[in-house]
Amino acid sequence: MNTAILQAAALRALEAEFTNVNPSLMERAGACAARIAMDMLTGRALILAGPGNNGGDAFVVARQLKDAGHTPVVLFADKPDKLPADARAAYDAWQAAGGTCVADYPTGKFGLIIDGLFGIGLTRAIEGKYAHWIECANASGSPILALDCPSGLNVLTGQLTGPAIRATRTATFIALKPGLLTGDGPDHCGAIDICGLGLNVGKGDSTLVTPDLFRGCLKPRARNSHKGSFGSVAILGGAPGMAGAALLAGRAALKLGAGRVYLGMLEAIPVDPVQPELMLRKPEDALSLATVLATGPGLGQSMQAGELLARVIGSPLPRVIDADGLNLLAQSPLLQRECAVAPAPTFITPHPAEAARLVGSTTEEVQADRVAAALELARRLNAHVALKGCGTVLAAPDGRWFINTTGNPGLASAGSGDVLTGMLAALLAQHWPPLEAMLAAVHLHGAAADTCIAAGQGPIGLTAGELIDPARRILNDWTTP
């Protein structure tokens, strides 16, 4: 699978470059989608054709199915002379092949519904007859194949514009698009097939996160090693009533390979009885013993917490900031400026509400364009950013961005982010480069959750602590020659 992701400008540029190829891009798209449709088809197909080029793709699919001996029903209720030129040519070819169209949603059961209503250009809510067709398709119980993207999904941002198709599979053309992978996209796309159309997209604007991006860091440990070889992590947090967050982060850091893990707890506790290898210290002492800092899990927003965050940002060590660390950072323009010029790398792992506080917007605005929000945070804070959520968006200070698709709704539980913080800190302590550490931690965090689901542990009721041992197994599997 080609993991390149393209945004609107690159997609349009490729389409313009290959306007006069033979066969046309529309013919290629329709032929590829028709092969996928025939793989799914049991019984008769209903094809929903819209008023633009996505409708043209639908007519090509219809003709291809007819040529293969099928008898698809094509639902089209617009005037052919209003279609764009390529779509009109596809409509005419369908007519010339003996195809016909119906204007009203038909009754009866279909073995497959093919959604060719609206493509990547849609930014408004679908209304009227098209909204009714979407409602009927979703309620039909039939499998649905979406052409390029599910109608009603903003394929560039992952936001719904109104009523939207819930597809079983999506045949997307040329390359992946951000909105298929993040926000509401994964709930509406189903399985994704890429129809490359014979075009070379290169590295694209971005890419999916896979282990190939950090393969060079997955090396077996030297036999001549000692605990000092793998760094020392300080987890700073654990205010009264919130000790569990820091304990989870510390356990994750320990089991993901940090040589030593110190818990600088605001609430003094003598020992972690579950993980006695963790060394509990006063926050100031933990700061002085570490090679990597992580703050936020259970930190609270007291004056002491704010002073601790200021010391972390002023430190020359790499630092991971999450949870209340991010909330305190959002309240202090001074600390934000200091963070942006700090010589050591900064990593932040906000959920959408925390990201909104940091950029001075709303959760809804962040979710409306998750890629843009992550890039803005990376620019403002000179930080590596993991904007958590469905399809975590990762952004680096140099403008590169990625989307991670491991993980599942089991991660929507208390403490899950604390575990991610500990995992990321552990990889940094083991001398991973900043970008690779962030990509690997997020991908591994999601992969551990997927492993739990495969073993029957969730997604309902999956707890954060259950992620740690599967993550350790996966990391060891990755590093085994």
Protein backbone atom coordinates (compact mmCIF):
# COMPACT_ATOMS: atom_id res chain seq x y z
CA MET A 1 0.00 0.00 0.00
CA ASN A 2 1.30 3.44 -0.95
CA THR A 3 1.35 5.43 2.29
CA ALA A 4 1.72 8.89 0.69
CA ILE A 5 -0.91 11.47 1.64
CA LEU A 6 -1.81 14.37 -0.67
CA GLN A 7 -3.62 17.61 0.07
CA ALA A 8 -5.79 19.58 -2.34
CA ALA A 9 -3.12 21.58 -4.18
CA ALA A 10 -0.99 18.52 -4.97
CA LEU A 11 -4.03 16.53 -6.09
CA ARG A 12 -5.19 19.29 -8.41
CA ALA A 13 -1.69 19.73 -9.83
CA LEU A 14 -1.44 16.03 -10.66
CA GLU A 15 -4.87 16.02 -12.25
CA ALA A 16 -3.95 19.06 -14.36
CA GLU A 17 -0.67 17.48 -15.43
CA PHE A 18 -2.43 14.38 -16.72
CA THR A 19 -5.50 15.99 -18.25
CA ASN A 20 -4.86 14.56 -21.73
CA VAL A 21 -3.67 11.05 -20.89
CA ASN A 22 -5.26 8.09 -22.63
CA PRO A 23 -7.15 6.42 -21.10
CA SER A 24 -8.32 9.44 -19.12
CA LEU A 25 -7.98 9.63 -15.36
CA MET A 26 -11.75 9.24 -15.07
CA GLU A 27 -11.67 6.06 -17.16
CA ARG A 28 -8.80 4.71 -15.07
CA ALA A 29 -10.57 5.57 -11.82
CA GLY A 30 -13.80 3.97 -12.93
CA ALA A 31 -12.06 0.82 -14.13
CA CYS A 32 -10.18 0.40 -10.85
CA ALA A 33 -13.31 1.02 -8.77
CA ALA A 34 -15.28 -1.42 -10.93
CA ARG A 35 -12.79 -4.19 -10.16
CA ILE A 36 -13.25 -3.53 -6.45
CA ALA A 37 -17.03 -3.44 -6.92
CA MET A 38 -17.02 -6.82 -8.66
CA ASP A 39 -15.03 -8.23 -5.77
CA MET A 40 -17.77 -7.04 -3.39
CA LEU A 41 -20.82 -7.66 -5.57
CA THR A 42 -23.42 -10.26 -4.68
CA GLY A 43 -26.63 -9.55 -6.58
CA ARG A 44 -27.51 -6.35 -8.34
CA ALA A 45 -25.69 -3.03 -7.87
CA LEU A 46 -27.27 0.36 -7.30
CA ILE A 47 -25.06 3.24 -8.42
CA LEU A 48 -25.67 6.75 -7.11
CA ALA A 49 -24.38 9.31 -9.63
CA GLY A 50 -23.98 12.94 -8.64
CA PRO A 51 -23.87 16.19 -10.64
CA GLY A 52 -20.06 16.49 -10.92
CA ASN A 53 -16.98 14.52 -11.78
CA ASN A 54 -17.69 12.00 -9.03
CA GLY A 55 -20.85 11.23 -10.96
CA GLY A 56 -18.67 10.76 -14.06
CA ASP A 57 -16.64 8.15 -12.17
CA ALA A 58 -19.92 6.44 -11.30
CA PHE A 59 -20.98 6.24 -14.98
CA VAL A 60 -17.65 4.64 -15.88
CA VAL A 61 -18.14 2.07 -13.12
CA ALA A 62 -21.66 1.38 -14.39
CA ARG A 63 -20.41 0.82 -17.94
CA GLN A 64 -17.61 -1.44 -16.75
CA LEU A 65 -20.05 -3.54 -14.72
CA LYS A 66 -22.43 -3.78 -17.68
CA ASP A 67 -19.60 -4.87 -19.96
CA ALA A 68 -18.80 -7.60 -17.43
CA GLY A 69 -22.35 -8.95 -17.62
CA HIS A 70 -23.96 -7.18 -14.67
CA THR A 71 -27.11 -5.07 -14.82
CA PRO A 72 -26.54 -2.12 -12.48
CA VAL A 73 -29.27 0.38 -11.69
CA VAL A 74 -28.00 3.95 -12.05
CA LEU A 75 -29.71 6.67 -10.03
CA PHE A 76 -29.18 10.08 -11.65
CA ALA A 77 -31.54 13.02 -11.36
CA ASP A 78 -29.72 15.95 -12.94
CA LYS A 79 -29.58 17.34 -16.44
CA PRO A 80 -26.75 15.75 -18.45
CA ASP A 81 -25.88 19.03 -20.15
CA LYS A 82 -24.94 20.50 -16.76
CA LEU A 83 -22.28 17.88 -16.13
CA PRO A 84 -18.58 18.84 -16.44
CA ALA A 85 -17.05 17.84 -19.78
CA ASP A 86 -15.39 14.61 -18.64
CA ALA A 87 -18.43 13.53 -16.65
CA ARG A 88 -20.68 14.30 -19.63
CA ALA A 89 -18.46 12.13 -21.83
CA ALA A 90 -18.78 9.30 -19.29
CA TYR A 91 -22.56 9.73 -19.23
CA ASP A 92 -22.72 9.63 -23.03
CA ALA A 93 -20.59 6.48 -23.09
CA TRP A 94 -22.96 4.86 -20.59
CA GLN A 95 -25.92 5.77 -22.79
CA ALA A 96 -24.13 4.51 -25.89
CA ALA A 97 -23.56 1.17 -24.17
CA GLY A 98 -27.33 0.83 -23.71
CA GLY A 99 -27.39 2.08 -20.15
CA THR A 100 -30.31 3.96 -18.65
CA CYS A 101 -30.90 6.00 -15.50
CA VAL A 102 -33.69 6.27 -12.95
CA ALA A 103 -34.50 9.52 -11.16
CA ASP A 104 -36.13 8.20 -7.98
CA TYR A 105 -34.53 6.04 -5.33
CA PRO A 106 -35.62 2.49 -6.21
CA THR A 107 -37.21 0.00 -3.86
CA GLY A 108 -35.86 -3.47 -3.26
CA LYS A 109 -32.66 -4.98 -1.96
CA PHE A 110 -29.32 -4.48 -3.68
CA GLY A 111 -26.17 -6.54 -3.28
CA LEU A 112 -24.01 -3.42 -3.42
CA ILE A 113 -24.52 0.33 -3.39
CA ILE A 114 -21.88 2.45 -5.12
CA ASP A 115 -21.63 6.04 -3.90
CA GLY A 116 -20.62 8.39 -6.70
CA LEU A 117 -22.48 11.48 -5.49
CA PHE A 118 -19.82 13.97 -4.35
CA GLY A 119 -16.02 13.86 -4.28
CA ILE A 120 -13.18 15.86 -2.83
CA GLY A 121 -14.50 19.27 -3.87
CA LEU A 122 -17.49 19.20 -1.52
CA THR A 123 -17.33 21.68 1.37
CA ARG A 124 -21.04 22.35 2.01
CA ALA A 125 -23.79 20.31 3.63
CA ILE A 126 -25.65 17.93 1.33
CA GLU A 127 -29.36 18.73 1.15
CA GLY A 128 -32.55 17.77 -0.69
CA LYS A 129 -32.75 14.61 -2.75
CA TYR A 130 -29.08 13.77 -2.25
CA ALA A 131 -29.47 13.85 1.54
CA HIS A 132 -32.47 11.53 1.12
CA TRP A 133 -30.45 9.15 -1.07
CA ILE A 134 -27.68 9.03 1.54
CA GLU A 135 -30.22 8.28 4.26
CA CYS A 136 -31.70 5.46 2.18
CA ALA A 137 -28.30 3.99 1.35
CA ASN A 138 -27.12 4.02 4.96
CA ALA A 139 -30.36 2.41 6.13
CA SER A 140 -30.39 -0.26 3.41
CA GLY A 141 -28.16 -2.80 5.11
CA SER A 142 -26.30 -3.26 1.81
CA PRO A 143 -22.52 -2.93 1.60
CA ILE A 144 -21.47 0.46 0.22
CA LEU A 145 -18.48 1.26 -1.95
CA ALA A 146 -17.58 4.97 -1.97
CA LEU A 147 -15.79 6.44 -4.99
CA ASP A 148 -12.80 8.55 -3.93
CA CYS A 149 -14.44 9.45 -0.61
CA PRO A 150 -17.77 8.97 1.16
CA SER A 151 -20.16 11.69 0.04
CA GLY A 152 -20.59 14.28 2.80
CA LEU A 153 -17.09 13.89 4.25
CA ASN A 154 -14.62 16.72 3.79
CA VAL A 155 -11.81 14.53 2.55
CA LEU A 156 -9.18 17.18 3.22
CA THR A 157 -9.99 17.72 6.91
CA GLY A 158 -11.99 14.71 8.10
CA GLN A 159 -14.95 16.87 9.07
CA LEU A 160 -18.54 16.03 8.18
CA THR A 161 -20.39 18.70 6.24
CA GLY A 162 -23.83 17.22 7.01
CA PRO A 163 -25.41 13.89 6.03
CA ALA A 164 -22.68 11.47 4.95
CA ILE A 165 -22.33 8.00 3.51
CA ARG A 166 -21.09 5.27 5.84
CA ALA A 167 -19.11 3.13 3.44
CA THR A 168 -17.98 -0.45 3.78
CA ARG A 169 -15.03 0.29 1.50
CA THR A 170 -13.66 3.39 -0.18
CA ALA A 171 -11.82 3.30 -3.50
CA THR A 172 -9.80 6.49 -3.29
CA PHE A 173 -8.07 7.82 -6.41
CA ILE A 174 -4.40 8.78 -6.92
CA ALA A 175 -3.41 8.75 -3.21
CA LEU A 176 -4.62 8.92 0.36
CA LYS A 177 -6.14 12.18 1.60
CA PRO A 178 -5.97 13.46 5.20
CA GLY A 179 -9.71 13.37 5.84
CA LEU A 180 -9.92 9.66 5.10
CA LEU A 181 -7.59 8.97 8.02
CA THR A 182 -8.49 11.39 10.80
CA GLY A 183 -11.51 12.99 12.44
CA ASP A 184 -14.77 11.45 11.19
CA GLY A 185 -13.08 9.85 8.19
CA PRO A 186 -12.33 6.40 9.64
CA ASP A 187 -15.95 5.99 10.81
CA HIS A 188 -17.23 6.64 7.29
CA CYS A 189 -14.62 5.16 4.94
CA GLY A 190 -14.45 1.53 5.98
CA ALA A 191 -11.53 -0.28 4.37
CA ILE A 192 -9.54 1.91 1.98
CA ASP A 193 -8.29 0.80 -1.44
CA ILE A 194 -5.92 3.13 -3.29
CA CYS A 195 -6.39 3.35 -7.05
CA GLY A 196 -3.11 4.98 -8.08
CA LEU A 197 -4.22 5.46 -11.73
CA GLY A 198 -0.67 4.89 -12.90
CA LEU A 199 0.56 8.20 -11.45
CA ASN A 200 3.75 8.59 -9.46
CA VAL A 201 2.93 10.65 -6.37
CA GLY A 202 6.40 10.29 -4.84
CA LYS A 203 6.56 11.01 -1.12
CA GLY A 204 3.43 13.14 -1.25
CA ASP A 205 2.71 15.96 1.18
CA SER A 206 2.88 13.51 4.06
CA THR A 207 2.66 9.82 4.85
CA LEU A 208 1.07 7.30 7.16
CA VAL A 209 3.11 6.33 10.19
CA THR A 210 4.55 2.82 9.81
CA PRO A 211 7.57 1.13 11.41
CA ASP A 212 9.51 1.82 8.22
CA LEU A 213 9.80 5.44 9.36
CA PHE A 214 11.78 4.46 12.46
CA ARG A 215 13.24 1.13 11.32
CA GLY A 216 16.79 2.40 11.75
CA CYS A 217 16.25 2.81 15.50
CA LEU A 218 15.00 -0.74 16.04
CA LYS A 219 18.29 -2.33 16.97
CA PRO A 220 18.98 -5.18 19.43
CA ARG A 221 20.69 -4.08 22.60
CA ALA A 222 24.42 -4.61 22.85
CA ARG A 223 25.36 -7.41 25.24
CA ASN A 224 27.84 -5.05 26.86
CA SER A 225 25.13 -2.75 28.28
CA HIS A 226 24.23 -1.38 31.69
CA LYS A 227 21.29 0.64 33.00
CA GLY A 228 23.14 3.86 32.41
CA SER A 229 23.20 3.03 28.70
CA PHE A 230 19.47 3.61 28.47
CA GLY A 231 19.03 6.95 30.17
CA SER A 232 17.09 8.22 33.16
CA VAL A 233 13.52 9.51 32.96
CA ALA A 234 11.96 11.85 35.51
CA ILE A 235 8.17 11.85 35.61
CA LEU A 236 7.03 15.03 37.37
CA GLY A 237 3.45 15.15 38.61
CA GLY A 238 1.28 13.13 40.93
CA ALA A 239 -0.45 15.88 42.91
CA PRO A 240 -2.74 14.80 45.78
CA GLY A 241 -5.55 12.64 44.43
CA MET A 242 -3.82 12.18 41.07
CA ALA A 243 -0.86 9.95 41.92
CA GLY A 244 -2.12 7.25 39.56
CA ALA A 245 -1.36 9.31 36.45
CA ALA A 246 2.30 9.66 37.33
CA LEU A 247 2.52 5.98 38.33
CA LEU A 248 1.12 4.91 34.94
CA ALA A 249 3.59 7.12 33.08
CA GLY A 250 6.45 5.81 35.19
CA ARG A 251 5.51 2.16 34.70
CA ALA A 252 5.28 2.70 30.94
CA ALA A 253 8.68 4.37 30.84
CA LEU A 254 10.25 1.54 32.82
CA LYS A 255 8.76 -1.26 30.75
CA LEU A 256 9.58 0.47 27.47
CA GLY A 257 13.24 0.33 28.33
CA ALA A 258 14.41 3.41 30.24
CA GLY A 259 17.39 2.51 32.39
CA ARG A 260 16.12 4.36 35.45
CA VAL A 261 12.79 6.00 36.15
CA TYR A 262 12.34 8.58 38.88
CA LEU A 263 8.91 9.76 39.98
CA GLY A 264 9.01 13.33 41.21
CA MET A 265 5.71 13.21 43.08
CA LEU A 266 3.95 16.29 44.43
CA GLU A 267 2.16 13.92 46.80
CA ALA A 268 4.79 11.96 48.69
CA ILE A 269 4.27 8.20 48.64
CA PRO A 270 6.93 5.74 49.82
CA VAL A 271 6.81 3.14 47.05
CA ASP A 272 4.81 1.84 44.11
CA PRO A 273 3.90 -1.65 45.33
CA VAL A 274 3.03 -2.77 41.81
CA GLN A 275 6.31 -1.51 40.32
CA PRO A 276 8.85 -1.18 43.16
CA GLU A 277 11.63 -0.58 40.60
CA LEU A 278 10.35 2.98 40.28
CA MET A 279 12.34 5.40 42.40
CA LEU A 280 10.22 7.97 44.18
CA ARG A 281 11.81 11.33 44.86
CA LYS A 282 10.94 14.93 45.55
CA PRO A 283 10.34 16.71 42.22
CA GLU A 284 13.50 18.83 42.63
CA ASP A 285 15.63 15.73 43.22
CA ALA A 286 14.11 13.87 40.28
CA LEU A 287 14.91 16.85 38.04
CA SER A 288 18.56 16.69 38.98
CA LEU A 289 18.88 12.96 38.25
CA ALA A 290 17.27 12.73 34.81
CA THR A 291 18.40 12.80 31.20
CA VAL A 292 14.80 13.20 29.94
CA LEU A 293 11.91 15.00 31.62
CA ALA A 294 8.19 14.32 31.39
CA THR A 295 5.69 16.52 33.16
CA GLY A 296 1.93 16.80 33.30
CA PRO A 297 0.53 13.42 34.43
CA GLY A 298 -1.41 14.28 37.58
CA LEU A 299 0.46 17.59 37.87
CA GLY A 300 -2.52 19.75 38.79
CA GLN A 301 -2.54 23.51 38.35
CA SER A 302 -1.22 24.74 41.68
CA MET A 303 1.45 27.38 42.11
CA GLN A 304 3.96 24.59 42.83
CA ALA A 305 2.95 22.87 39.58
CA GLY A 306 3.49 26.09 37.63
CA GLU A 307 6.93 26.59 39.15
CA LEU A 308 7.84 23.01 38.28
CA LEU A 309 6.75 23.48 34.67
CA ALA A 310 8.89 26.63 34.44
CA ARG A 311 11.91 24.66 35.66
CA VAL A 312 11.23 21.92 33.09
CA ILE A 313 11.04 24.43 30.23
CA GLY A 314 14.21 26.15 31.46
CA SER A 315 16.08 22.86 31.62
CA PRO A 316 18.58 21.88 28.90
CA LEU A 317 17.03 18.38 28.74
CA PRO A 318 14.45 17.03 26.26
CA ARG A 319 11.00 17.37 27.77
CA VAL A 320 7.58 15.80 27.19
CA ILE A 321 4.65 17.96 28.30
CA ASP A 322 1.11 16.62 28.62
CA ALA A 323 -2.16 17.03 30.52
CA ASP A 324 -2.02 19.79 33.18
CA GLY A 325 1.43 20.74 31.94
CA LEU A 326 -0.27 21.81 28.71
CA ASN A 327 -3.06 23.60 30.56
CA LEU A 328 -0.50 25.58 32.56
CA LEU A 329 1.47 26.31 29.39
CA ALA A 330 -1.69 27.64 27.74
CA GLN A 331 -2.11 30.13 30.60
CA SER A 332 1.41 31.57 30.28
CA PRO A 333 2.48 33.43 27.13
CA LEU A 334 5.89 33.85 28.76
CA LEU A 335 6.44 30.10 29.12
CA GLN A 336 5.22 29.61 25.55
CA ARG A 337 7.86 32.05 24.31
CA GLU A 338 10.54 30.36 26.39
CA CYS A 339 9.45 26.99 25.08
CA ALA A 340 9.74 28.22 21.49
CA VAL A 341 13.39 29.23 21.95
CA ALA A 342 14.50 26.38 24.23
CA PRO A 343 17.65 24.63 22.95
CA ALA A 344 16.41 21.13 23.84
CA PRO A 345 13.55 19.47 21.94
CA THR A 346 10.02 19.82 23.29
CA PHE A 347 7.26 17.25 22.79
CA ILE A 348 3.59 17.92 23.47
CA THR A 349 0.75 15.41 23.29
CA PRO A 350 -2.51 17.38 23.52
CA HIS A 351 -6.02 16.16 23.02
CA PRO A 352 -8.21 18.56 20.97
CA ALA A 353 -9.42 20.60 23.96
CA GLU A 354 -5.86 21.12 25.21
CA ALA A 355 -4.74 22.04 21.70
CA ALA A 356 -7.56 24.59 21.49
CA ARG A 357 -6.44 26.26 24.71
CA LEU A 358 -2.88 26.48 23.42
CA VAL A 359 -3.84 28.13 20.13
CA GLY A 360 -6.63 30.25 21.60
CA SER A 361 -9.46 28.68 19.63
CA THR A 362 -12.19 26.12 20.27
CA THR A 363 -12.21 22.34 20.23
CA GLU A 364 -14.57 22.48 17.25
CA GLU A 365 -12.14 24.68 15.29
CA VAL A 366 -9.25 22.32 16.04
CA GLN A 367 -11.27 19.30 14.93
CA ALA A 368 -12.37 21.11 11.77
CA ASP A 369 -8.79 20.95 10.47
CA ARG A 370 -6.62 18.74 12.63
CA VAL A 371 -3.59 18.90 10.35
CA ALA A 372 -3.58 22.71 10.36
CA ALA A 373 -3.97 22.81 14.15
CA ALA A 374 -1.06 20.43 14.73
CA LEU A 375 1.18 22.37 12.36
CA GLU A 376 0.28 25.66 14.04
CA LEU A 377 1.17 24.26 17.46
CA ALA A 378 4.48 22.92 16.15
CA ARG A 379 5.29 26.33 14.67
CA ARG A 380 4.27 28.38 17.70
CA LEU A 381 6.07 26.27 20.29
CA ASN A 382 8.91 24.95 18.14
CA ALA A 383 7.73 21.54 19.32
CA HIS A 384 7.05 18.04 18.14
CA VAL A 385 3.27 17.63 18.40
CA ALA A 386 1.02 14.61 18.66
CA LEU A 387 -2.56 15.86 18.34
CA LYS A 388 -4.41 12.90 19.79
CA GLY A 389 -7.73 11.59 18.56
CA CYS A 390 -9.05 9.38 15.80
CA GLY A 391 -6.13 9.43 13.39
CA THR A 392 -3.50 11.14 15.57
CA VAL A 393 -1.80 13.94 13.63
CA LEU A 394 1.91 14.36 14.29
CA ALA A 395 3.75 17.54 13.35
CA ALA A 396 7.43 18.46 13.58
CA PRO A 397 8.92 21.95 13.99
CA ASP A 398 10.28 21.82 10.45
CA GLY A 399 6.76 21.56 8.97
CA ARG A 400 6.64 17.83 8.30
CA TRP A 401 3.47 16.05 9.40
CA PHE A 402 2.16 12.50 9.58
CA ILE A 403 -1.04 10.62 10.43
CA ASN A 404 -1.10 7.52 12.61
CA THR A 405 -3.91 5.02 12.17
CA THR A 406 -3.15 2.42 14.82
CA GLY A 407 -5.40 2.46 17.87
CA ASN A 408 -9.10 2.15 18.58
CA PRO A 409 -11.82 3.54 20.89
CA GLY A 410 -10.36 1.55 23.80
CA LEU A 411 -7.81 4.36 24.10
CA ALA A 412 -10.59 6.75 25.13
CA SER A 413 -10.06 6.00 28.80
CA ALA A 414 -8.43 7.71 31.76
CA GLY A 415 -4.66 7.37 31.89
CA SER A 416 -4.12 6.39 28.27
CA GLY A 417 -2.32 9.65 27.56
CA ASP A 418 -0.14 9.21 30.65
CA VAL A 419 1.04 5.86 29.29
CA LEU A 420 1.91 7.53 25.97
CA THR A 421 3.92 10.16 27.83
CA GLY A 422 5.95 7.50 29.60
CA MET A 423 6.53 5.54 26.41
CA LEU A 424 7.78 8.59 24.54
CA ALA A 425 10.06 9.60 27.41
CA ALA A 426 11.53 6.08 27.48
CA LEU A 427 12.46 6.14 23.80
CA LEU A 428 14.04 9.57 24.16
CA ALA A 429 16.05 8.33 27.13
CA GLN A 430 17.36 5.52 24.92
CA HIS A 431 18.80 8.13 22.55
CA TRP A 432 16.20 7.89 19.79
CA PRO A 433 16.16 10.95 17.50
CA PRO A 434 13.25 13.31 18.30
CA LEU A 435 11.07 12.68 15.25
CA GLU A 436 11.54 8.92 15.24
CA ALA A 437 10.83 8.73 18.98
CA MET A 438 7.54 10.58 18.58
CA LEU A 439 6.41 8.53 15.57
CA ALA A 440 7.32 5.25 17.22
CA ALA A 441 5.70 6.05 20.57
CA VAL A 442 2.37 7.04 19.00
CA HIS A 443 2.35 4.09 16.60
CA LEU A 444 3.30 1.64 19.34
CA HIS A 445 0.70 3.06 21.74
CA GLY A 446 -2.03 2.43 19.18
CA ALA A 447 -0.64 -0.96 18.19
CA ALA A 448 -0.74 -2.06 21.83
CA ALA A 449 -4.41 -1.10 22.02
CA ASP A 450 -5.11 -3.04 18.82
CA THR A 451 -3.36 -6.08 20.29
CA CYS A 452 -5.56 -5.83 23.38
CA ILE A 453 -8.70 -5.74 21.25
CA ALA A 454 -7.53 -8.74 19.24
CA ALA A 455 -7.13 -10.61 22.53
CA GLY A 456 -10.68 -9.72 23.61
CA GLN A 457 -9.73 -6.98 26.08
CA GLY A 458 -12.10 -4.24 25.02
CA PRO A 459 -12.60 -1.80 23.48
CA ILE A 460 -15.21 -1.27 26.20
CA GLY A 461 -13.45 -1.22 29.53
CA LEU A 462 -9.87 -1.34 28.24
CA THR A 463 -7.72 0.33 30.89
CA ALA A 464 -4.56 2.33 30.38
CA GLY A 465 -2.43 0.00 32.45
CA GLU A 466 -3.31 -2.90 30.17
CA LEU A 467 -1.48 -1.20 27.28
CA ILE A 468 1.98 -1.38 28.82
CA ASP A 469 2.84 -5.08 28.62
CA PRO A 470 1.59 -5.49 25.00
CA ALA A 471 3.61 -2.41 24.03
CA ARG A 472 6.72 -3.98 25.55
CA ARG A 473 6.12 -7.22 23.60
CA ILE A 474 5.63 -5.38 20.33
CA LEU A 475 8.76 -3.26 20.77
CA ASN A 476 10.81 -6.36 21.49
CA ASP A 477 9.32 -8.10 18.45
CA TRP A 478 10.28 -5.12 16.30
CA THR A 479 13.86 -5.16 17.56
CA THR A 480 14.39 -8.92 17.25
CA PRO A 481 16.62 -9.69 14.23
